[in-house]
């Protein structure tokens, strides 16, 4: 955990509860948890890069990623491993330095490659058996925050990080 330099997250079932709300106008709506957003902001403040890789395309994901200043956003992706390779090459890091959080079988190829992996409590059993850490929270309910704080707590004293964040951040993004 001390060497994690990149946090990669799936969306549906990880950053959201996995439910798809599609209005009669065809617009897809997603619900994100602000605690997860604050966790991502803390990680960025600490110098960890953030990526979102999702199989679906959604304007709400694009908006949320922009709000949180996510370093890498990939939507409509069927091969997440290819994208991870591209990101780690651009950052000149190794798979050992990557943390990934996913919830379903399409996340397994990445989970098997990275140095550290996690899943929400309501992830499918195959994923929960394959990861290093299972959150006590469901996807979209703070699971990402819990996992990020676990990573950060192994790299720095969280109280010091939070104090520095509060002192140096003029506008907190949740």
Protein backbone atom coordinates (compact mmCIF):
# COMPACT_ATOMS: atom_id res chain seq x y z
CA UNK A 1 0.00 0.00 0.00
CA UNK A 2 2.92 2.32 0.59
CA UNK A 3 3.82 2.27 -3.09
CA UNK A 4 0.37 3.02 -4.56
CA UNK A 5 0.63 5.90 -7.04
CA UNK A 6 -2.57 5.36 -9.03
CA UNK A 7 -6.11 4.61 -7.91
CA UNK A 8 -8.41 3.20 -10.59
CA UNK A 9 -12.14 2.89 -10.05
CA UNK A 10 -15.05 1.29 -11.84
CA UNK A 11 -18.30 3.27 -11.78
CA UNK A 12 -21.47 1.17 -11.71
CA UNK A 13 -21.51 -0.82 -8.49
CA UNK A 14 -18.44 0.95 -7.08
CA UNK A 15 -18.90 4.72 -7.30
CA UNK A 16 -22.67 4.17 -7.64
CA UNK A 17 -25.08 1.61 -6.24
CA UNK A 18 -25.12 -0.09 -9.63
CA UNK A 19 -28.72 0.74 -10.42
CA UNK A 20 -29.40 2.29 -13.80
CA UNK A 21 -31.98 5.06 -13.81
CA UNK A 22 -32.93 5.91 -17.38
CA UNK A 23 -35.57 8.57 -17.91
CA UNK A 24 -38.20 8.48 -20.64
CA UNK A 25 -36.01 11.03 -22.45
CA UNK A 26 -33.22 8.42 -22.60
CA UNK A 27 -31.01 10.29 -20.16
CA UNK A 28 -29.20 8.12 -17.64
CA UNK A 29 -29.03 9.32 -14.02
CA UNK A 30 -26.50 8.17 -11.44
CA UNK A 31 -26.11 8.86 -7.75
CA UNK A 32 -22.63 9.41 -6.30
CA UNK A 33 -21.68 9.56 -2.62
CA UNK A 34 -19.96 12.75 -1.46
CA UNK A 35 -17.83 10.77 1.00
CA UNK A 36 -16.29 8.90 -1.92
CA UNK A 37 -15.67 12.26 -3.60
CA UNK A 38 -13.88 13.59 -0.52
CA UNK A 39 -11.76 10.45 -0.39
CA UNK A 40 -10.72 10.98 -4.00
CA UNK A 41 -9.94 14.64 -3.26
CA UNK A 42 -7.73 13.60 -0.33
CA UNK A 43 -5.89 11.08 -2.51
CA UNK A 44 -5.29 13.71 -5.21
CA UNK A 45 -4.08 16.17 -2.57
CA UNK A 46 -1.61 13.52 -1.39
CA UNK A 47 -0.29 13.20 -4.95
CA UNK A 48 -1.96 9.97 -6.02
CA UNK A 49 -3.31 9.99 -9.57
CA UNK A 50 -6.94 8.95 -10.14
CA UNK A 51 -8.56 7.10 -13.01
CA UNK A 52 -12.08 6.00 -13.79
CA UNK A 53 -12.62 3.20 -16.28
CA UNK A 54 -16.18 2.15 -17.04
CA UNK A 55 -17.95 0.07 -19.62
CA UNK A 56 -20.83 2.52 -19.97
CA UNK A 57 -20.91 6.07 -21.29
CA UNK A 58 -22.81 8.58 -19.20
CA UNK A 59 -22.84 12.36 -19.11
CA UNK A 60 -23.23 12.20 -15.32
CA UNK A 61 -19.91 10.33 -15.04
CA UNK A 62 -18.19 12.89 -17.26
CA UNK A 63 -19.55 15.73 -15.11
CA UNK A 64 -18.57 14.02 -11.83
CA UNK A 65 -15.07 13.23 -13.09
CA UNK A 66 -14.58 16.85 -14.14
CA UNK A 67 -15.82 18.10 -10.74
CA UNK A 68 -13.28 15.90 -8.96
CA UNK A 69 -10.42 16.67 -11.38
CA UNK A 70 -9.98 12.99 -12.22
CA UNK A 71 -6.70 12.54 -14.10
CA UNK A 72 -7.90 9.82 -16.49
CA UNK A 73 -11.47 9.11 -17.58
CA UNK A 74 -12.30 6.26 -19.94
CA UNK A 75 -15.93 5.46 -20.77
CA UNK A 76 -17.41 2.80 -23.02
CA UNK A 77 -14.45 0.49 -22.40
CA UNK A 78 -14.68 -3.24 -22.99
CA UNK A 79 -11.01 -4.05 -22.35
CA UNK A 80 -9.96 -2.40 -19.09
CA UNK A 81 -6.55 -4.13 -19.08
CA UNK A 82 -5.56 -2.33 -22.30
CA UNK A 83 -6.48 1.00 -20.75
CA UNK A 84 -4.55 0.27 -17.53
CA UNK A 85 -1.47 -0.58 -19.63
CA UNK A 86 -1.83 2.76 -21.42
CA UNK A 87 -2.13 4.70 -18.15
CA UNK A 88 0.78 3.04 -16.37
CA UNK A 89 3.00 3.56 -19.43
CA UNK A 90 2.09 7.27 -19.46
CA UNK A 91 2.89 7.57 -15.74
CA UNK A 92 5.98 5.36 -15.94
CA UNK A 93 4.80 3.18 -13.05
CA UNK A 94 4.25 -0.56 -12.59
CA UNK A 95 1.15 -2.63 -11.90
CA UNK A 96 2.41 -3.02 -8.29
CA UNK A 97 1.80 0.71 -7.83
CA UNK A 98 -1.86 0.49 -8.90
CA UNK A 99 -4.91 0.11 -6.67
CA UNK A 100 -8.12 -1.00 -8.39
CA UNK A 101 -11.66 -1.24 -7.08
CA UNK A 102 -14.27 -3.21 -9.00
CA UNK A 103 -17.42 -5.17 -8.33
CA UNK A 104 -18.17 -7.62 -11.15
CA UNK A 105 -16.56 -10.29 -13.31
CA UNK A 106 -15.48 -7.83 -16.02
CA UNK A 107 -13.14 -6.34 -13.38
CA UNK A 108 -11.34 -9.64 -12.66
CA UNK A 109 -8.65 -9.33 -15.37
CA UNK A 110 -7.51 -5.99 -13.88
CA UNK A 111 -7.84 -7.21 -10.29
CA UNK A 112 -5.44 -10.05 -11.08
CA UNK A 113 -2.80 -7.65 -12.46
CA UNK A 114 -2.64 -4.80 -9.95
CA UNK A 115 -0.69 -4.54 -6.73
CA UNK A 116 -3.74 -3.91 -4.55
CA UNK A 117 -7.43 -4.48 -5.16
CA UNK A 118 -10.71 -3.97 -3.37
CA UNK A 119 -14.43 -4.50 -3.79
CA UNK A 120 -17.59 -3.13 -2.21
CA UNK A 121 -19.50 -5.37 0.19
CA UNK A 122 -22.16 -6.08 -2.43
CA UNK A 123 -19.72 -7.12 -5.17
CA UNK A 124 -20.21 -10.53 -6.77
CA UNK A 125 -18.64 -13.46 -4.89
CA UNK A 126 -15.98 -14.19 -7.55
CA UNK A 127 -14.66 -10.65 -7.16
CA UNK A 128 -14.79 -10.63 -3.35
CA UNK A 129 -12.74 -13.86 -3.32
CA UNK A 130 -10.14 -12.32 -5.64
CA UNK A 131 -9.45 -8.94 -4.00
CA UNK A 132 -7.18 -7.93 -1.14
CA UNK A 133 -9.86 -5.94 0.67
CA UNK A 134 -13.66 -6.03 0.84
CA UNK A 135 -15.31 -2.87 2.13
CA UNK A 136 -17.93 -2.99 4.84
CA UNK A 137 -19.94 -0.61 2.62
CA UNK A 138 -21.89 -1.27 -0.57
CA UNK A 139 -21.02 0.40 -3.84
CA UNK A 140 -22.16 4.02 -3.95
CA UNK A 141 -22.38 4.12 -0.15
CA UNK A 142 -18.84 5.05 0.89
CA UNK A 143 -16.92 1.91 -0.12
CA UNK A 144 -14.46 3.95 -2.20
CA UNK A 145 -13.78 6.34 0.70
CA UNK A 146 -13.09 3.46 3.07
CA UNK A 147 -10.66 1.83 0.64
CA UNK A 148 -8.87 5.10 -0.16
CA UNK A 149 -8.45 5.91 3.52
CA UNK A 150 -6.95 2.45 4.04
CA UNK A 151 -4.39 3.13 1.29
CA UNK A 152 -3.66 6.65 2.55
CA UNK A 153 -3.29 5.51 6.18
CA UNK A 154 -0.45 3.21 5.11
CA UNK A 155 1.33 6.10 3.38
CA UNK A 156 0.82 9.02 5.78
CA UNK A 157 -0.76 9.90 9.10
CA UNK A 158 -4.37 10.64 8.10
CA UNK A 159 -4.75 13.36 10.73
CA UNK A 160 -1.74 15.20 9.32
CA UNK A 161 -3.01 14.79 5.75
CA UNK A 162 -6.46 16.07 6.70
CA UNK A 163 -4.95 19.01 8.60
CA UNK A 164 -2.81 19.96 5.62
CA UNK A 165 -5.76 19.53 3.28
CA UNK A 166 -7.94 21.80 5.39
CA UNK A 167 -5.18 24.41 5.69
CA UNK A 168 -4.20 24.45 2.02
CA UNK A 169 -7.45 23.82 0.18
CA UNK A 170 -9.60 26.84 -0.45
CA UNK A 171 -12.43 24.91 -2.01
CA UNK A 172 -13.10 21.34 -0.96
CA UNK A 173 -14.57 19.06 -3.58
CA UNK A 174 -16.80 16.28 -2.45
